[in-house]
Amino acid sequence: MKRFFCCAIALCAVLCAFLSSANASGISIDAGLTPAEDRWIVRTQARYMKRKGDPTHMGREMTTYAFPTVVAYGLRPDFTLLVKQAVMHQDSAMGGSRNKTTGLADLFVLGKYKIYRENTSEYIFGTAATLGMEFPTGAETFTSNTWDLVPGLYASWRSGPWASDLGVSYAWNGFADRGRNNINPGNEFSLDWALAYQFSVGSDSRASIAPVLEVSYKNISPDERYGHHVSNTGESVLYISPGIKFTKSSFILEALLQIPVWQDQKGMLLERGAGVIVGVRFMF
């Protein structure tokens, strides 16, 4: 009975960890969406993620499908407002039983302010500060139950057909309150870097294909309850992810394979498997 109780706690920890997975960057850093003043960018994706490798031999596994939609608006030439909402579907198994759940994730709002930009004949370089807030509005299975503050920095570099993006963020989870059962979700440090090379397609100057390589690192601290770490929580993971983007005028089709090349799971947490992302973007 005690072993089953511990496994149930570990499964709950995995549920919380998957909330972070749904927000992980992929194919394009969210902060990189920068519409011109009074213009819109809408991006929607389908994400497949899996947890496996149960160390308890109780047949635990979890598959998650996330469908995030991001809307970015150019409020001013130097300020972008971004809103993200995801629909989640989760299929989990433990001890021979399965459970399927569908619902909304927490609402995320982010503001980006341009700090510096340099345009030369050889390259374009820019940096921006970001500040995000995640609100506990999601369904019970998919909410952190806390108000989360996410400051960050974003940098971009363009030179001819080459493009590179770098994003750094730190999620201060439960900065203003505590979660369910007085448990604060662990804070998260994220580092995302992307490199792409753009090829023109045929004689249409508005169409191009760009192979993409992304490197993403995420460190999630253990959850805390009254200043003490909660068992079976916390992890670090490093992804190397190849992908491709097809662009035609104001439309972009994108796909990415996220491969975890290194990970450190605490306690009885399941390991992350490879993930797949397919998405589209429109500019208005």
Protein backbone atom coordinates (compact mmCIF):
# COMPACT_ATOMS: atom_id res chain seq x y z
CA MET A 1 0.00 0.00 0.00
CA LYS A 2 2.81 2.40 0.88
CA ARG A 3 4.53 1.67 -2.41
CA PHE A 4 1.32 2.35 -4.34
CA PHE A 5 0.84 5.63 -2.46
CA CYS A 6 4.37 6.74 -3.34
CA CYS A 7 3.79 5.87 -6.98
CA ALA A 8 0.57 7.86 -7.00
CA ILE A 9 2.46 10.90 -5.70
CA ALA A 10 5.09 10.39 -8.39
CA LEU A 11 2.39 10.23 -11.06
CA CYS A 12 0.99 13.57 -9.83
CA ALA A 13 4.50 15.01 -10.10
CA VAL A 14 4.69 13.82 -13.69
CA LEU A 15 1.39 15.58 -14.42
CA CYS A 16 2.89 18.84 -13.17
CA ALA A 17 6.06 18.25 -15.19
CA PHE A 18 4.01 17.86 -18.37
CA LEU A 19 2.57 21.33 -17.85
CA SER A 20 6.11 22.61 -18.30
CA SER A 21 6.55 20.46 -21.39
CA ALA A 22 3.55 22.09 -23.00
CA ASN A 23 5.21 25.48 -22.62
CA ALA A 24 8.62 24.40 -23.87
CA SER A 25 9.89 26.29 -26.89
CA GLY A 26 9.97 24.64 -30.25
CA ILE A 27 10.58 25.58 -33.93
CA SER A 28 10.43 29.27 -32.99
CA ILE A 29 10.84 30.96 -29.64
CA ASP A 30 7.52 32.56 -28.72
CA ALA A 31 9.28 35.81 -27.83
CA GLY A 32 10.61 35.90 -31.38
CA LEU A 33 7.14 36.64 -32.78
CA THR A 34 7.43 40.35 -33.59
CA PRO A 35 4.66 41.83 -35.75
CA ALA A 36 4.96 45.40 -36.98
CA GLU A 37 2.93 48.11 -35.27
CA ASP A 38 -0.82 47.41 -35.52
CA ARG A 39 -0.17 44.00 -37.17
CA TRP A 40 -0.99 40.51 -35.88
CA ILE A 41 0.75 37.13 -35.90
CA VAL A 42 -1.27 34.01 -35.08
CA ARG A 43 0.47 30.69 -34.57
CA THR A 44 -1.14 27.36 -33.73
CA GLN A 45 0.64 24.06 -33.15
CA ALA A 46 0.01 20.39 -32.48
CA ARG A 47 2.52 18.90 -30.00
CA TYR A 48 3.04 15.23 -29.15
CA MET A 49 4.93 14.33 -25.95
CA LYS A 50 5.49 11.07 -24.10
CA ARG A 51 6.82 9.92 -20.72
CA LYS A 52 8.10 6.38 -20.28
CA GLY A 53 10.81 4.26 -18.60
CA ASP A 54 8.99 3.58 -15.32
CA PRO A 55 11.60 2.76 -12.61
CA THR A 56 8.89 1.27 -10.36
CA HIS A 57 7.87 -1.44 -12.92
CA MET A 58 4.19 -0.56 -12.36
CA GLY A 59 3.54 0.15 -16.03
CA ARG A 60 3.35 3.92 -15.67
CA GLU A 61 3.43 5.97 -18.85
CA MET A 62 1.88 9.17 -20.11
CA THR A 63 1.11 10.61 -23.54
CA THR A 64 0.13 14.24 -23.97
CA TYR A 65 -1.22 16.10 -26.98
CA ALA A 66 -1.07 19.90 -26.68
CA PHE A 67 -2.64 22.39 -29.08
CA PRO A 68 -1.31 25.84 -28.13
CA THR A 69 -2.43 28.98 -29.96
CA VAL A 70 -0.34 32.16 -29.71
CA VAL A 71 -1.61 35.59 -30.74
CA ALA A 72 0.96 38.42 -30.95
CA TYR A 73 0.06 42.07 -31.57
CA GLY A 74 2.40 44.96 -32.39
CA LEU A 75 1.16 47.53 -29.89
CA ARG A 76 4.02 49.92 -30.71
CA PRO A 77 7.19 49.71 -32.84
CA ASP A 78 9.14 48.75 -29.71
CA PHE A 79 6.49 46.78 -27.80
CA THR A 80 4.75 43.46 -28.58
CA LEU A 81 1.90 41.92 -26.58
CA LEU A 82 1.51 38.12 -26.73
CA VAL A 83 -1.24 35.82 -25.41
CA LYS A 84 -1.03 32.01 -25.36
CA GLN A 85 -3.75 29.45 -24.61
CA ALA A 86 -3.49 25.68 -25.07
CA VAL A 87 -5.98 22.85 -25.29
CA MET A 88 -4.58 19.69 -23.67
CA HIS A 89 -5.35 15.98 -23.96
CA GLN A 90 -3.63 13.52 -21.66
CA ASP A 91 -3.63 9.72 -21.62
CA SER A 92 -1.97 8.23 -18.51
CA ALA A 93 -1.58 4.66 -17.30
CA MET A 94 -0.57 3.06 -13.99
CA GLY A 95 -1.04 -0.44 -12.61
CA GLY A 96 -3.09 -1.61 -15.59
CA SER A 97 -5.62 1.24 -15.46
CA ARG A 98 -5.85 4.22 -17.84
CA ASN A 99 -7.17 7.73 -17.47
CA LYS A 100 -7.89 10.24 -20.26
CA THR A 101 -8.41 13.94 -19.62
CA THR A 102 -9.02 16.94 -21.89
CA GLY A 103 -9.12 20.61 -20.91
CA LEU A 104 -7.57 24.06 -21.14
CA ALA A 105 -4.11 24.86 -19.77
CA ASP A 106 -3.32 28.04 -17.84
CA LEU A 107 -3.52 31.34 -19.72
CA PHE A 108 -0.14 32.99 -20.43
CA VAL A 109 0.36 36.69 -21.25
CA LEU A 110 3.75 38.21 -22.22
CA GLY A 111 5.03 41.66 -23.06
CA LYS A 112 8.23 42.26 -25.06
CA TYR A 113 10.09 45.59 -25.12
CA LYS A 114 12.86 46.29 -27.61
CA ILE A 115 16.09 47.29 -25.83
CA TYR A 116 18.54 47.58 -28.70
CA ARG A 117 18.60 47.13 -32.46
CA GLU A 118 21.42 47.58 -34.97
CA ASN A 119 20.92 47.44 -38.75
CA THR A 120 24.01 47.27 -40.95
CA SER A 121 24.66 46.18 -44.53
CA GLU A 122 26.04 42.87 -43.21
CA TYR A 123 23.73 41.94 -40.34
CA ILE A 124 20.78 42.85 -38.13
CA PHE A 125 21.05 42.37 -34.37
CA GLY A 126 18.44 43.08 -31.70
CA THR A 127 17.71 42.41 -28.04
CA ALA A 128 14.51 42.66 -26.05
CA ALA A 129 13.34 42.24 -22.47
CA THR A 130 10.29 40.08 -21.81
CA LEU A 131 7.93 39.75 -18.85
CA GLY A 132 5.27 37.07 -18.75
CA MET A 133 2.50 36.09 -16.35
CA GLU A 134 0.74 32.75 -16.16
CA PHE A 135 -2.72 32.78 -14.61
CA PRO A 136 -4.23 29.69 -12.86
CA THR A 137 -7.22 29.51 -15.20
CA GLY A 138 -6.78 25.98 -16.55
CA ALA A 139 -8.72 22.79 -15.91
CA GLU A 140 -7.87 20.99 -12.68
CA THR A 141 -5.54 18.46 -14.33
CA PHE A 142 -3.66 21.10 -16.32
CA THR A 143 -3.29 24.04 -13.92
CA SER A 144 -0.43 24.83 -11.56
CA ASN A 145 -2.95 26.50 -9.22
CA THR A 146 -0.46 29.36 -8.80
CA TRP A 147 0.27 32.79 -10.27
CA ASP A 148 3.61 32.53 -12.07
CA LEU A 149 5.95 35.37 -13.10
CA VAL A 150 8.31 34.79 -16.05
CA PRO A 151 10.99 37.43 -16.77
CA GLY A 152 13.38 36.85 -19.67
CA LEU A 153 15.68 38.15 -22.39
CA TYR A 154 15.52 37.59 -26.15
CA ALA A 155 18.17 38.21 -28.84
CA SER A 156 18.06 37.78 -32.61
CA TRP A 157 20.70 37.93 -35.35
CA ARG A 158 20.17 37.96 -39.13
CA SER A 159 22.84 37.93 -41.86
CA GLY A 160 21.89 37.05 -45.44
CA PRO A 161 20.19 33.63 -45.41
CA TRP A 162 21.32 32.90 -41.83
CA ALA A 163 19.12 33.51 -38.79
CA SER A 164 19.70 32.85 -35.10
CA ASP A 165 17.49 33.35 -32.04
CA LEU A 166 18.32 33.06 -28.35
CA GLY A 167 15.86 33.12 -25.46
CA VAL A 168 16.54 32.96 -21.71
CA SER A 169 13.76 32.92 -19.13
CA TYR A 170 13.16 32.12 -15.47
CA ALA A 171 9.70 31.10 -14.27
CA TRP A 172 9.06 32.14 -10.67
CA ASN A 173 6.18 29.77 -9.97
CA GLY A 174 3.88 30.68 -7.11
CA PHE A 175 5.51 34.09 -6.62
CA ALA A 176 2.31 35.49 -5.06
CA ASP A 177 0.64 32.41 -3.58
CA ARG A 178 0.91 28.69 -2.93
CA GLY A 179 -0.52 25.81 -4.91
CA ARG A 180 -2.68 22.87 -3.95
CA ASN A 181 -1.90 21.40 -0.50
CA ASN A 182 0.47 24.36 0.13
CA ILE A 183 2.90 22.99 -2.47
CA ASN A 184 4.79 25.52 -4.57
CA PRO A 185 5.74 24.22 -8.04
CA GLY A 186 9.48 24.30 -8.66
CA ASN A 187 10.89 27.34 -10.45
CA GLU A 188 12.10 26.81 -14.03
CA PHE A 189 15.16 28.06 -15.91
CA SER A 190 14.97 27.78 -19.71
CA LEU A 191 17.61 28.41 -22.38
CA ASP A 192 16.62 28.11 -26.05
CA TRP A 193 18.80 28.67 -29.12
CA ALA A 194 17.82 28.25 -32.77
CA LEU A 195 19.82 28.44 -36.01
CA ALA A 196 18.27 28.45 -39.50
CA TYR A 197 19.42 28.81 -43.11
CA GLN A 198 16.91 29.99 -45.69
CA PHE A 199 16.75 28.73 -49.31
CA SER A 200 14.60 30.37 -51.96
CA VAL A 201 12.07 28.12 -53.70
CA GLY A 202 11.96 28.42 -57.50
CA SER A 203 11.49 31.86 -59.02
CA ASP A 204 8.99 32.99 -56.36
CA SER A 205 10.92 35.38 -54.13
CA ARG A 206 8.17 35.15 -51.51
CA ALA A 207 8.65 31.39 -50.97
CA SER A 208 11.50 29.75 -49.06
CA ILE A 209 12.50 26.64 -47.12
CA ALA A 210 14.67 26.85 -44.00
CA PRO A 211 16.25 23.87 -42.20
CA VAL A 212 16.32 24.59 -38.45
CA LEU A 213 18.43 23.29 -35.58
CA GLU A 214 17.36 24.05 -32.01
CA VAL A 215 19.09 23.41 -28.71
CA SER A 216 16.95 23.71 -25.58
CA TYR A 217 17.84 23.27 -21.92
CA LYS A 218 15.34 23.29 -19.08
CA ASN A 219 16.01 22.96 -15.36
CA ILE A 220 13.02 22.56 -13.04
CA SER A 221 13.70 22.87 -9.31
CA PRO A 222 11.97 20.47 -6.88
CA ASP A 223 8.55 21.51 -5.61
CA GLU A 224 8.54 22.93 -2.10
CA ARG A 225 6.18 22.59 0.85
CA TYR A 226 6.85 24.78 3.89
CA GLY A 227 10.45 25.28 2.75
CA HIS A 228 11.19 21.58 2.20
CA HIS A 229 11.65 19.79 -1.12
CA VAL A 230 8.88 17.43 -2.22
CA SER A 231 10.09 13.95 -3.16
CA ASN A 232 10.02 12.81 -6.80
CA THR A 233 9.94 16.35 -8.22
CA GLY A 234 12.51 18.31 -10.20
CA GLU A 235 14.37 17.52 -13.40
CA SER A 236 16.84 18.77 -16.00
CA VAL A 237 16.67 18.01 -19.71
CA LEU A 238 18.64 18.93 -22.84
CA TYR A 239 17.05 18.72 -26.30
CA ILE A 240 18.71 18.81 -29.71
CA SER A 241 15.96 19.29 -32.28
CA PRO A 242 16.10 19.31 -36.11
CA GLY A 243 13.24 20.92 -37.98
CA ILE A 244 12.14 22.75 -41.10
CA LYS A 245 10.10 25.84 -42.00
CA PHE A 246 8.34 26.62 -45.27
CA THR A 247 7.48 30.29 -45.82
CA LYS A 248 5.28 31.83 -48.49
CA SER A 249 4.49 35.50 -48.09
CA SER A 250 2.75 35.86 -44.69
CA PHE A 251 2.21 32.09 -44.17
CA ILE A 252 4.65 29.71 -42.44
CA LEU A 253 4.41 25.92 -42.08
CA GLU A 254 6.78 24.44 -39.48
CA ALA A 255 7.77 21.03 -38.08
CA LEU A 256 10.28 19.92 -35.43
CA LEU A 257 11.49 16.68 -33.84
CA GLN A 258 12.51 17.26 -30.20
CA ILE A 259 15.10 14.70 -29.07
CA PRO A 260 16.13 14.56 -25.40
CA VAL A 261 19.87 13.80 -25.54
CA TRP A 262 20.41 14.11 -21.77
CA GLN A 263 18.11 14.22 -18.76
CA ASP A 264 18.25 13.94 -15.00
CA GLN A 265 14.97 12.90 -13.39
CA LYS A 266 14.58 13.03 -9.62
CA GLY A 267 13.23 10.04 -7.73
CA MET A 268 10.56 8.03 -9.54
CA LEU A 269 9.78 10.51 -12.31
CA LEU A 270 9.31 9.04 -15.78
CA GLU A 271 11.80 9.91 -18.51
CA ARG A 272 10.93 12.21 -21.39
CA GLY A 273 10.68 10.63 -24.81
CA ALA A 274 11.05 12.30 -28.21
CA GLY A 275 8.41 14.87 -29.12
CA VAL A 276 6.95 16.11 -32.40
CA ILE A 277 5.68 19.62 -33.20
CA VAL A 278 3.76 20.68 -36.31
CA GLY A 279 2.43 24.22 -36.67
CA VAL A 280 1.31 27.06 -38.90
CA ARG A 281 1.71 30.84 -38.64
CA PHE A 282 -0.15 33.71 -40.27
CA MET A 283 0.56 37.45 -40.31
CA PHE A 284 -2.22 39.98 -40.79
